[in-house]
Amino acid sequence: RLGIEDTTTITMLADGAGWIWQQAAMHFPGAAGMLDVYHALEHVAETAKAVYGENTARGRRWIDSIRTALLSGGWPIVRQRLRAAWLRTKKRSHRKTLQSLATYLGKHRWHLDYAGRLAEGRSIGSGQVEGACKHVIGRRLKQTGARWRVRRVNRMASLCCLVYSQPLGPLLDQSLTQPPKSVTAPAIMNRLQ
């Protein structure tokens, strides 16, 4: 439906949930995957808090070190830094926490090429999309007095996406310069196809 013929040219940006990667592989075979950097850094921050204490200078330095490793070299450098931190600590609980982070990031090692993506000028975070969903779709659906059936929510969400996407702009401009027709959702959808 999206008109994407070569799915190897796209990247799925996701929060790391296994089902998302499975759906991406099923619907977009050969597409690359990218772990949302903010989700990755959330895990890093939780580890720093457990190992170095909440909001400590040492913890902040460690987070900066891991962030730099993620953004510049991906999994190989992060793995080295996690191993070094693991060797420096003697507390079993700290080692377990560091191992947990290593396991989490290790399972996403193929989704951590932030340096390559940034070099191409592409996003490494899903905040823009999540914010758009919240503000563009959520605001429309949660208006005072609004009640929705699931099938209509899906239709309204699709229309909200169309209204705020690039392809609809010229269509709306054209509709403003021509005599008004019935501008209903099906009419817009038919003109876009």
N, C-alpha and C. Protein backbone atom coordinates (compact mmCIF):
# COMPACT_ATOMS: atom_id res chain seq x y z
N ARG A 1 0.81 -1.20 0.00
CA ARG A 1 0.00 0.00 0.00
C ARG A 1 0.85 1.26 0.00
N LEU A 2 2.06 1.18 0.54
CA LEU A 2 2.92 2.35 0.58
C LEU A 2 3.67 2.58 -0.72
N GLY A 3 3.64 1.60 -1.60
CA GLY A 3 4.32 1.74 -2.87
C GLY A 3 5.81 1.53 -2.79
N ILE A 4 6.27 0.90 -1.75
CA ILE A 4 7.70 0.62 -1.60
C ILE A 4 8.00 -0.69 -2.30
N GLU A 5 8.78 -0.61 -3.35
CA GLU A 5 9.08 -1.82 -4.10
C GLU A 5 10.34 -2.51 -3.62
N ASP A 6 11.32 -1.74 -3.21
CA ASP A 6 12.58 -2.30 -2.71
C ASP A 6 12.68 -2.02 -1.21
N THR A 7 12.28 -3.00 -0.41
CA THR A 7 12.26 -2.80 1.05
C THR A 7 13.65 -2.78 1.67
N THR A 8 14.67 -3.13 0.89
CA THR A 8 16.02 -3.08 1.43
C THR A 8 16.53 -1.64 1.55
N THR A 9 15.78 -0.70 1.01
CA THR A 9 16.21 0.71 1.05
C THR A 9 15.67 1.45 2.27
N ILE A 10 14.87 0.78 3.09
CA ILE A 10 14.28 1.48 4.24
C ILE A 10 14.85 0.95 5.56
N THR A 11 14.67 1.73 6.60
CA THR A 11 15.12 1.37 7.93
C THR A 11 13.94 1.48 8.89
N MET A 12 13.77 0.48 9.71
CA MET A 12 12.74 0.49 10.74
C MET A 12 13.38 1.01 12.02
N LEU A 13 12.89 2.12 12.52
CA LEU A 13 13.37 2.72 13.76
C LEU A 13 12.40 2.31 14.85
N ALA A 14 12.89 1.58 15.87
CA ALA A 14 11.98 1.00 16.86
C ALA A 14 12.57 1.03 18.25
N ASP A 15 11.71 0.74 19.24
CA ASP A 15 12.14 0.76 20.64
C ASP A 15 12.79 -0.53 21.09
N GLY A 16 12.91 -1.50 20.24
CA GLY A 16 13.62 -2.72 20.57
C GLY A 16 12.76 -3.90 20.96
N ALA A 17 11.44 -3.74 21.00
CA ALA A 17 10.57 -4.86 21.32
C ALA A 17 10.68 -5.91 20.22
N GLY A 18 10.80 -7.16 20.64
CA GLY A 18 10.99 -8.25 19.69
C GLY A 18 9.91 -8.35 18.64
N TRP A 19 8.66 -8.11 19.03
CA TRP A 19 7.57 -8.23 18.07
C TRP A 19 7.68 -7.21 16.94
N ILE A 20 8.27 -6.05 17.23
CA ILE A 20 8.43 -5.03 16.18
C ILE A 20 9.39 -5.53 15.11
N TRP A 21 10.53 -6.11 15.54
CA TRP A 21 11.49 -6.61 14.57
C TRP A 21 10.86 -7.75 13.76
N GLN A 22 10.04 -8.58 14.41
CA GLN A 22 9.38 -9.68 13.69
C GLN A 22 8.41 -9.15 12.64
N GLN A 23 7.61 -8.14 13.02
CA GLN A 23 6.67 -7.54 12.07
C GLN A 23 7.42 -6.85 10.92
N ALA A 24 8.51 -6.18 11.26
CA ALA A 24 9.31 -5.52 10.22
C ALA A 24 9.84 -6.54 9.23
N ALA A 25 10.36 -7.66 9.73
CA ALA A 25 10.90 -8.70 8.85
C ALA A 25 9.81 -9.31 7.96
N MET A 26 8.61 -9.43 8.53
CA MET A 26 7.52 -10.03 7.77
C MET A 26 7.01 -9.07 6.68
N HIS A 27 6.85 -7.80 7.02
CA HIS A 27 6.25 -6.85 6.08
C HIS A 27 7.27 -6.12 5.20
N PHE A 28 8.50 -6.01 5.69
CA PHE A 28 9.54 -5.29 4.95
C PHE A 28 10.81 -6.15 4.90
N PRO A 29 10.78 -7.27 4.18
CA PRO A 29 11.94 -8.16 4.15
C PRO A 29 13.19 -7.43 3.65
N GLY A 30 14.27 -7.62 4.36
CA GLY A 30 15.53 -7.00 3.98
C GLY A 30 15.73 -5.59 4.49
N ALA A 31 14.71 -5.02 5.13
CA ALA A 31 14.84 -3.66 5.67
C ALA A 31 15.80 -3.68 6.86
N ALA A 32 16.55 -2.61 7.01
CA ALA A 32 17.47 -2.50 8.14
C ALA A 32 16.66 -2.11 9.39
N GLY A 33 17.24 -2.36 10.55
CA GLY A 33 16.60 -1.98 11.80
C GLY A 33 17.52 -1.06 12.58
N MET A 34 16.93 -0.14 13.32
CA MET A 34 17.70 0.79 14.15
C MET A 34 17.00 0.90 15.50
N LEU A 35 17.75 0.62 16.57
CA LEU A 35 17.22 0.78 17.92
C LEU A 35 17.17 2.26 18.23
N ASP A 36 16.01 2.75 18.62
CA ASP A 36 15.86 4.15 18.99
C ASP A 36 16.90 4.50 20.05
N VAL A 37 17.70 5.52 19.80
CA VAL A 37 18.82 5.86 20.68
C VAL A 37 18.34 6.22 22.09
N TYR A 38 17.18 6.83 22.21
CA TYR A 38 16.69 7.22 23.52
C TYR A 38 16.33 6.00 24.36
N HIS A 39 15.79 4.96 23.72
CA HIS A 39 15.51 3.73 24.46
C HIS A 39 16.81 3.06 24.89
N ALA A 40 17.79 3.06 24.02
CA ALA A 40 19.09 2.48 24.38
C ALA A 40 19.69 3.24 25.57
N LEU A 41 19.64 4.56 25.50
CA LEU A 41 20.24 5.37 26.58
C LEU A 41 19.44 5.32 27.87
N GLU A 42 18.17 5.00 27.79
CA GLU A 42 17.37 4.78 28.99
C GLU A 42 17.94 3.61 29.78
N HIS A 43 18.26 2.54 29.07
CA HIS A 43 18.85 1.36 29.70
C HIS A 43 20.23 1.68 30.27
N VAL A 44 20.99 2.47 29.55
CA VAL A 44 22.32 2.88 30.03
C VAL A 44 22.18 3.70 31.32
N ALA A 45 21.25 4.63 31.34
CA ALA A 45 21.05 5.48 32.52
C ALA A 45 20.60 4.67 33.73
N GLU A 46 19.72 3.70 33.50
CA GLU A 46 19.27 2.84 34.62
C GLU A 46 20.43 2.02 35.17
N THR A 47 21.30 1.57 34.30
CA THR A 47 22.48 0.81 34.73
C THR A 47 23.41 1.71 35.53
N ALA A 48 23.65 2.92 35.05
CA ALA A 48 24.52 3.87 35.76
C ALA A 48 23.97 4.16 37.15
N LYS A 49 22.68 4.33 37.24
CA LYS A 49 22.03 4.60 38.53
C LYS A 49 22.25 3.44 39.50
N ALA A 50 22.10 2.21 39.00
CA ALA A 50 22.26 1.03 39.86
C ALA A 50 23.72 0.80 40.26
N VAL A 51 24.65 1.10 39.37
CA VAL A 51 26.06 0.81 39.63
C VAL A 51 26.77 1.97 40.33
N TYR A 52 26.49 3.21 39.91
CA TYR A 52 27.23 4.36 40.42
C TYR A 52 26.42 5.28 41.33
N GLY A 53 25.14 5.00 41.47
CA GLY A 53 24.29 5.84 42.30
C GLY A 53 23.54 6.85 41.45
N GLU A 54 22.45 7.34 42.00
CA GLU A 54 21.60 8.26 41.24
C GLU A 54 22.23 9.63 41.12
N ASN A 55 22.34 10.09 39.88
CA ASN A 55 22.82 11.44 39.56
C ASN A 55 24.18 11.78 40.18
N THR A 56 25.11 10.84 40.09
CA THR A 56 26.47 11.08 40.59
C THR A 56 27.36 11.51 39.43
N ALA A 57 28.43 12.21 39.75
CA ALA A 57 29.36 12.67 38.71
C ALA A 57 29.97 11.46 37.98
N ARG A 58 30.32 10.44 38.74
CA ARG A 58 30.91 9.24 38.14
C ARG A 58 29.91 8.56 37.19
N GLY A 59 28.65 8.50 37.62
CA GLY A 59 27.61 7.91 36.78
C GLY A 59 27.40 8.71 35.50
N ARG A 60 27.38 10.03 35.61
CA ARG A 60 27.21 10.88 34.43
C ARG A 60 28.38 10.71 33.45
N ARG A 61 29.59 10.62 33.99
CA ARG A 61 30.76 10.40 33.11
C ARG A 61 30.65 9.06 32.39
N TRP A 62 30.19 8.04 33.13
CA TRP A 62 30.06 6.72 32.53
C TRP A 62 28.99 6.73 31.44
N ILE A 63 27.86 7.39 31.70
CA ILE A 63 26.80 7.50 30.69
C ILE A 63 27.35 8.21 29.45
N ASP A 64 28.09 9.30 29.65
CA ASP A 64 28.68 10.03 28.51
C ASP A 64 29.62 9.13 27.72
N SER A 65 30.38 8.32 28.43
CA SER A 65 31.32 7.41 27.78
C SER A 65 30.59 6.38 26.92
N ILE A 66 29.52 5.81 27.47
CA ILE A 66 28.75 4.81 26.71
C ILE A 66 28.01 5.48 25.55
N ARG A 67 27.47 6.66 25.77
CA ARG A 67 26.78 7.39 24.69
C ARG A 67 27.74 7.66 23.55
N THR A 68 28.94 8.14 23.89
CA THR A 68 29.94 8.40 22.86
C THR A 68 30.29 7.12 22.11
N ALA A 69 30.43 6.03 22.84
CA ALA A 69 30.73 4.74 22.21
C ALA A 69 29.60 4.32 21.27
N LEU A 70 28.36 4.47 21.72
CA LEU A 70 27.23 4.12 20.87
C LEU A 70 27.20 4.95 19.59
N LEU A 71 27.41 6.25 19.73
CA LEU A 71 27.29 7.15 18.59
C LEU A 71 28.47 7.07 17.63
N SER A 72 29.61 6.65 18.13
CA SER A 72 30.80 6.64 17.26
C SER A 72 31.17 5.26 16.74
N GLY A 73 31.01 4.22 17.55
CA GLY A 73 31.50 2.92 17.11
C GLY A 73 30.52 1.78 17.25
N GLY A 74 29.39 2.03 17.88
CA GLY A 74 28.39 0.97 18.01
C GLY A 74 28.79 -0.13 18.98
N TRP A 75 28.29 -1.31 18.72
CA TRP A 75 28.42 -2.42 19.64
C TRP A 75 29.86 -2.80 19.99
N PRO A 76 30.79 -2.89 19.07
CA PRO A 76 32.15 -3.31 19.46
C PRO A 76 32.77 -2.43 20.56
N ILE A 77 32.62 -1.12 20.44
CA ILE A 77 33.21 -0.22 21.45
C ILE A 77 32.42 -0.26 22.74
N VAL A 78 31.09 -0.32 22.64
CA VAL A 78 30.26 -0.40 23.83
C VAL A 78 30.59 -1.67 24.61
N ARG A 79 30.74 -2.78 23.90
CA ARG A 79 31.07 -4.05 24.55
C ARG A 79 32.39 -3.93 25.32
N GLN A 80 33.38 -3.27 24.73
CA GLN A 80 34.67 -3.08 25.42
C GLN A 80 34.49 -2.24 26.69
N ARG A 81 33.71 -1.18 26.60
CA ARG A 81 33.50 -0.31 27.77
C ARG A 81 32.72 -1.01 28.87
N LEU A 82 31.75 -1.81 28.49
CA LEU A 82 30.98 -2.56 29.48
C LEU A 82 31.86 -3.61 30.15
N ARG A 83 32.70 -4.25 29.37
CA ARG A 83 33.63 -5.25 29.92
C ARG A 83 34.59 -4.60 30.91
N ALA A 84 35.11 -3.43 30.56
CA ALA A 84 36.03 -2.71 31.46
C ALA A 84 35.33 -2.34 32.76
N ALA A 85 34.09 -1.86 32.68
CA ALA A 85 33.33 -1.52 33.89
C ALA A 85 33.07 -2.76 34.71
N TRP A 86 32.78 -3.87 34.06
CA TRP A 86 32.52 -5.13 34.75
C TRP A 86 33.76 -5.59 35.51
N LEU A 87 34.93 -5.44 34.88
CA LEU A 87 36.18 -5.86 35.52
C LEU A 87 36.56 -4.95 36.69
N ARG A 88 36.19 -3.66 36.62
CA ARG A 88 36.53 -2.72 37.69
C ARG A 88 35.70 -2.92 38.95
N THR A 89 34.50 -3.44 38.79
CA THR A 89 33.64 -3.59 39.97
C THR A 89 33.74 -5.00 40.54
N LYS A 90 33.64 -5.08 41.84
CA LYS A 90 33.70 -6.39 42.51
C LYS A 90 32.34 -6.82 43.03
N LYS A 91 31.39 -5.87 43.11
CA LYS A 91 30.07 -6.21 43.64
C LYS A 91 29.31 -7.08 42.64
N ARG A 92 28.79 -8.18 43.14
CA ARG A 92 28.05 -9.12 42.30
C ARG A 92 26.83 -8.45 41.67
N SER A 93 26.10 -7.64 42.45
CA SER A 93 24.88 -6.99 41.92
C SER A 93 25.23 -6.01 40.80
N HIS A 94 26.36 -5.31 40.93
CA HIS A 94 26.79 -4.38 39.88
C HIS A 94 27.18 -5.14 38.61
N ARG A 95 27.88 -6.23 38.80
CA ARG A 95 28.27 -7.04 37.64
C ARG A 95 27.04 -7.61 36.93
N LYS A 96 26.08 -8.02 37.72
CA LYS A 96 24.85 -8.56 37.14
C LYS A 96 24.11 -7.48 36.33
N THR A 97 24.08 -6.27 36.87
CA THR A 97 23.42 -5.16 36.18
C THR A 97 24.15 -4.82 34.88
N LEU A 98 25.47 -4.78 34.93
CA LEU A 98 26.26 -4.51 33.72
C LEU A 98 26.07 -5.62 32.69
N GLN A 99 26.01 -6.87 33.16
CA GLN A 99 25.80 -7.99 32.25
C GLN A 99 24.42 -7.90 31.60
N SER A 100 23.43 -7.45 32.36
CA SER A 100 22.08 -7.30 31.83
C SER A 100 22.06 -6.26 30.70
N LEU A 101 22.76 -5.14 30.90
CA LEU A 101 22.84 -4.13 29.84
C LEU A 101 23.57 -4.68 28.63
N ALA A 102 24.65 -5.42 28.86
CA ALA A 102 25.40 -6.02 27.75
C ALA A 102 24.53 -6.99 26.96
N THR A 103 23.71 -7.75 27.65
CA THR A 103 22.80 -8.69 26.99
C THR A 103 21.78 -7.94 26.14
N TYR A 104 21.19 -6.89 26.73
CA TYR A 104 20.19 -6.10 26.02
C TYR A 104 20.79 -5.47 24.76
N LEU A 105 21.91 -4.76 24.91
CA LEU A 105 22.51 -4.10 23.74
C LEU A 105 23.09 -5.11 22.77
N GLY A 106 23.61 -6.22 23.29
CA GLY A 106 24.16 -7.25 22.43
C GLY A 106 23.12 -7.87 21.51
N LYS A 107 21.91 -8.04 22.03
CA LYS A 107 20.87 -8.61 21.16
C LYS A 107 20.43 -7.62 20.08
N HIS A 108 20.77 -6.36 20.26
CA HIS A 108 20.46 -5.33 19.25
C HIS A 108 21.73 -4.88 18.50
N ARG A 109 22.79 -5.64 18.58
CA ARG A 109 24.07 -5.19 18.00
C ARG A 109 23.96 -4.82 16.53
N TRP A 110 23.04 -5.45 15.80
CA TRP A 110 22.88 -5.13 14.38
C TRP A 110 22.03 -3.87 14.18
N HIS A 111 21.51 -3.34 15.28
CA HIS A 111 20.63 -2.17 15.20
C HIS A 111 21.26 -0.94 15.84
N LEU A 112 22.58 -0.92 15.93
CA LEU A 112 23.27 0.16 16.65
C LEU A 112 24.21 0.99 15.77
N ASP A 113 24.01 1.02 14.48
CA ASP A 113 24.91 1.79 13.60
C ASP A 113 24.50 3.26 13.57
N TYR A 114 24.57 3.90 14.72
CA TYR A 114 24.19 5.31 14.81
C TYR A 114 25.13 6.20 14.01
N ALA A 115 26.42 5.89 14.04
CA ALA A 115 27.40 6.71 13.32
C ALA A 115 27.09 6.73 11.82
N GLY A 116 26.80 5.58 11.25
CA GLY A 116 26.49 5.51 9.83
C GLY A 116 25.23 6.27 9.48
N ARG A 117 24.25 6.12 10.32
CA ARG A 117 22.96 6.80 10.07
C ARG A 117 23.10 8.31 10.22
N LEU A 118 23.85 8.76 11.24
CA LEU A 118 24.07 10.19 11.41
C LEU A 118 24.87 10.76 10.25
N ALA A 119 25.84 9.99 9.76
CA ALA A 119 26.65 10.44 8.62
C ALA A 119 25.78 10.66 7.39
N GLU A 120 24.68 9.90 7.27
CA GLU A 120 23.76 10.06 6.15
C GLU A 120 22.74 11.17 6.41
N GLY A 121 22.80 11.78 7.60
CA GLY A 121 21.86 12.85 7.94
C GLY A 121 20.48 12.34 8.32
N ARG A 122 20.42 11.10 8.80
CA ARG A 122 19.14 10.48 9.13
C ARG A 122 18.94 10.43 10.65
N SER A 123 17.70 10.35 11.04
CA SER A 123 17.33 10.35 12.46
C SER A 123 17.74 9.04 13.14
N ILE A 124 18.07 9.14 14.42
CA ILE A 124 18.38 7.95 15.21
C ILE A 124 17.40 7.80 16.38
N GLY A 125 16.42 8.67 16.44
CA GLY A 125 15.43 8.62 17.50
C GLY A 125 14.02 8.68 16.95
N SER A 126 13.10 8.06 17.66
CA SER A 126 11.71 8.02 17.19
C SER A 126 10.85 9.10 17.86
N GLY A 127 11.47 10.03 18.55
CA GLY A 127 10.74 11.06 19.27
C GLY A 127 9.83 11.89 18.38
N GLN A 128 10.28 12.21 17.16
CA GLN A 128 9.47 12.99 16.24
C GLN A 128 8.17 12.26 15.89
N VAL A 129 8.30 10.99 15.60
CA VAL A 129 7.13 10.21 15.22
C VAL A 129 6.20 10.03 16.42
N GLU A 130 6.78 9.71 17.58
CA GLU A 130 5.96 9.54 18.78
C GLU A 130 5.26 10.85 19.15
N GLY A 131 5.96 11.96 19.03
CA GLY A 131 5.36 13.26 19.31
C GLY A 131 4.23 13.58 18.34
N ALA A 132 4.45 13.25 17.07
CA ALA A 132 3.41 13.50 16.07
C ALA A 132 2.18 12.66 16.37
N CYS A 133 2.38 11.41 16.74
CA CYS A 133 1.23 10.55 17.08
C CYS A 133 0.45 11.14 18.25
N LYS A 134 1.19 11.59 19.24
CA LYS A 134 0.55 12.14 20.44
C LYS A 134 -0.21 13.42 20.12
N HIS A 135 0.41 14.31 19.39
CA HIS A 135 -0.18 15.63 19.17
C HIS A 135 -1.13 15.67 17.97
N VAL A 136 -0.75 15.04 16.89
CA VAL A 136 -1.57 15.11 15.68
C VAL A 136 -2.78 14.19 15.79
N ILE A 137 -2.53 12.94 16.13
CA ILE A 137 -3.63 11.98 16.19
C ILE A 137 -4.34 12.04 17.54
N GLY A 138 -3.57 12.00 18.61
CA GLY A 138 -4.16 12.01 19.95
C GLY A 138 -5.03 13.22 20.21
N ARG A 139 -4.55 14.38 19.82
CA ARG A 139 -5.32 15.61 20.04
C ARG A 139 -6.65 15.55 19.30
N ARG A 140 -6.64 15.05 18.08
CA ARG A 140 -7.88 14.96 17.29
C ARG A 140 -8.85 13.96 17.90
N LEU A 141 -8.34 12.84 18.36
CA LEU A 141 -9.21 11.79 18.87
C LEU A 141 -9.73 12.08 20.28
N LYS A 142 -9.03 12.89 21.02
CA LYS A 142 -9.41 13.13 22.41
C LYS A 142 -10.12 14.46 22.63
N GLN A 143 -10.68 15.01 21.58
CA GLN A 143 -11.42 16.26 21.72
C GLN A 143 -12.60 16.06 22.67
N THR A 144 -12.99 17.11 23.32
CA THR A 144 -14.11 17.04 24.25
C THR A 144 -15.34 16.48 23.56
N GLY A 145 -15.91 15.48 24.20
CA GLY A 145 -17.14 14.87 23.70
C GLY A 145 -16.93 13.83 22.60
N ALA A 146 -15.72 13.61 22.19
CA ALA A 146 -15.47 12.65 21.11
C ALA A 146 -15.61 11.22 21.61
N ARG A 147 -16.30 10.41 20.82
CA ARG A 147 -16.41 8.97 21.10
C ARG A 147 -16.11 8.26 19.80
N TRP A 148 -15.35 7.16 19.89
CA TRP A 148 -14.88 6.50 18.67
C TRP A 148 -15.08 5.00 18.75
N ARG A 149 -15.36 4.43 17.60
CA ARG A 149 -15.31 2.97 17.44
C ARG A 149 -13.93 2.67 16.87
N VAL A 150 -13.42 1.49 17.18
CA VAL A 150 -12.05 1.15 16.77
C VAL A 150 -11.86 1.31 15.27
N ARG A 151 -12.78 0.81 14.47
CA ARG A 151 -12.58 0.90 13.01
C ARG A 151 -12.54 2.34 12.54
N ARG A 152 -13.25 3.22 13.23
CA ARG A 152 -13.23 4.62 12.83
C ARG A 152 -11.99 5.34 13.37
N VAL A 153 -11.49 4.89 14.50
CA VAL A 153 -10.25 5.47 15.02
C VAL A 153 -9.12 5.21 14.02
N ASN A 154 -9.06 3.99 13.50
CA ASN A 154 -8.03 3.66 12.52
C ASN A 154 -8.16 4.53 11.28
N ARG A 155 -9.38 4.78 10.84
CA ARG A 155 -9.60 5.64 9.67
C ARG A 155 -9.18 7.08 9.97
N MET A 156 -9.56 7.57 11.15
CA MET A 156 -9.19 8.95 11.51
C MET A 156 -7.68 9.09 11.66
N ALA A 157 -7.04 8.08 12.24
CA ALA A 157 -5.58 8.12 12.37
C ALA A 157 -4.93 8.18 10.99
N SER A 158 -5.46 7.41 10.03
CA SER A 158 -4.93 7.45 8.66
C SER A 158 -5.11 8.83 8.04
N LEU A 159 -6.27 9.43 8.24
CA LEU A 159 -6.51 10.77 7.69
C LEU A 159 -5.59 11.80 8.34
N CYS A 160 -5.42 11.70 9.65
CA CYS A 160 -4.50 12.64 10.33
C CYS A 160 -3.10 12.52 9.76
N CYS A 161 -2.67 11.30 9.51
CA CYS A 161 -1.34 11.10 8.92
C CYS A 161 -1.27 11.71 7.53
N LEU A 162 -2.32 11.53 6.75
CA LEU A 162 -2.34 12.11 5.40
C LEU A 162 -2.29 13.63 5.44
N VAL A 163 -3.08 14.22 6.33
CA VAL A 163 -3.15 15.67 6.41
C VAL A 163 -1.79 16.27 6.71
N TYR A 164 -1.02 15.62 7.56
CA TYR A 164 0.26 16.18 7.96
C TYR A 164 1.45 15.60 7.20
N SER A 165 1.20 14.85 6.14
CA SER A 165 2.31 14.30 5.37
C SER A 165 2.54 15.16 4.13
N GLN A 166 3.68 15.00 3.52
CA GLN A 166 4.07 15.76 2.34
C GLN A 166 3.11 15.61 1.16
N PRO A 167 2.68 14.37 0.81
CA PRO A 167 1.89 14.23 -0.41
C PRO A 167 0.56 14.98 -0.39
N LEU A 168 0.00 15.24 0.77
CA LEU A 168 -1.31 15.87 0.83
C LEU A 168 -1.24 17.38 0.63
N GLY A 169 -0.11 18.00 0.93
CA GLY A 169 0.02 19.45 0.80
C GLY A 169 -0.41 19.97 -0.57
N PRO A 170 0.19 19.47 -1.67
CA PRO A 170 -0.21 19.94 -3.00
C PRO A 170 -1.67 19.66 -3.30
N LEU A 171 -2.19 18.55 -2.81
CA LEU A 171 -3.59 18.21 -3.05
C LEU A 171 -4.50 19.24 -2.40
N LEU A 172 -4.18 19.62 -1.17
CA LEU A 172 -5.00 20.61 -0.48
C LEU A 172 -4.86 21.97 -1.15
N ASP A 173 -3.66 22.35 -1.58
CA ASP A 173 -3.45 23.61 -2.28
C ASP A 173 -4.30 23.65 -3.54
N GLN A 174 -4.31 22.54 -4.28
CA GLN A 174 -5.07 22.46 -5.51
C GLN A 174 -6.56 22.58 -5.21
N SER A 175 -7.02 21.96 -4.13
CA SER A 175 -8.44 21.99 -3.82
C SER A 175 -8.89 23.39 -3.42
N LEU A 176 -7.96 24.23 -2.95
CA LEU A 176 -8.32 25.59 -2.58
C LEU A 176 -8.45 26.50 -3.80
N THR A 177 -7.80 26.15 -4.92
CA THR A 177 -7.83 26.99 -6.12
C THR A 177 -8.89 26.54 -7.11
N GLN A 178 -9.47 25.38 -6.90
CA GLN A 178 -10.50 24.87 -7.80
C GLN A 178 -11.87 25.00 -7.13
N PRO A 179 -12.93 24.97 -7.94
CA PRO A 179 -14.26 25.02 -7.34
C PRO A 179 -14.42 23.92 -6.31
N PRO A 180 -15.06 24.21 -5.18
CA PRO A 180 -15.19 23.21 -4.14
C PRO A 180 -15.98 21.99 -4.60
N LYS A 181 -15.46 20.86 -4.29
CA LYS A 181 -16.16 19.59 -4.50
C LYS A 181 -16.41 19.03 -3.12
N SER A 182 -17.01 17.92 -3.08
CA SER A 182 -17.20 17.26 -1.79
C SER A 182 -15.84 16.76 -1.31
N VAL A 183 -15.28 17.42 -0.31
CA VAL A 183 -13.96 17.03 0.18
C VAL A 183 -14.17 16.14 1.39
N THR A 184 -14.45 14.89 1.11
CA THR A 184 -14.64 13.90 2.17
C THR A 184 -13.41 13.02 2.22
N ALA A 185 -13.31 12.25 3.25
CA ALA A 185 -12.17 11.35 3.39
C ALA A 185 -12.03 10.44 2.18
N PRO A 186 -13.10 9.78 1.70
CA PRO A 186 -12.93 8.93 0.52
C PRO A 186 -12.48 9.72 -0.72
N ALA A 187 -12.98 10.97 -0.85
CA ALA A 187 -12.58 11.78 -1.99
C ALA A 187 -11.09 12.07 -1.95
N ILE A 188 -10.60 12.41 -0.77
CA ILE A 188 -9.17 12.68 -0.61
C ILE A 188 -8.37 11.41 -0.91
N MET A 189 -8.81 10.28 -0.37
CA MET A 189 -8.10 9.02 -0.57
C MET A 189 -8.07 8.67 -2.07
N ASN A 190 -9.22 8.83 -2.77
CA ASN A 190 -9.27 8.50 -4.20
C ASN A 190 -8.34 9.39 -5.01
N ARG A 191 -8.26 10.68 -4.67
CA ARG A 191 -7.41 11.58 -5.42
C ARG A 191 -5.93 11.31 -5.17
N LEU A 192 -5.61 10.71 -4.02
CA LEU A 192 -4.22 10.41 -3.73
C LEU A 192 -3.73 9.16 -4.43
N GLN A 193 -4.66 8.30 -4.81
CA GLN A 193 -4.24 7.03 -5.43
C GLN A 193 -3.90 7.18 -6.89
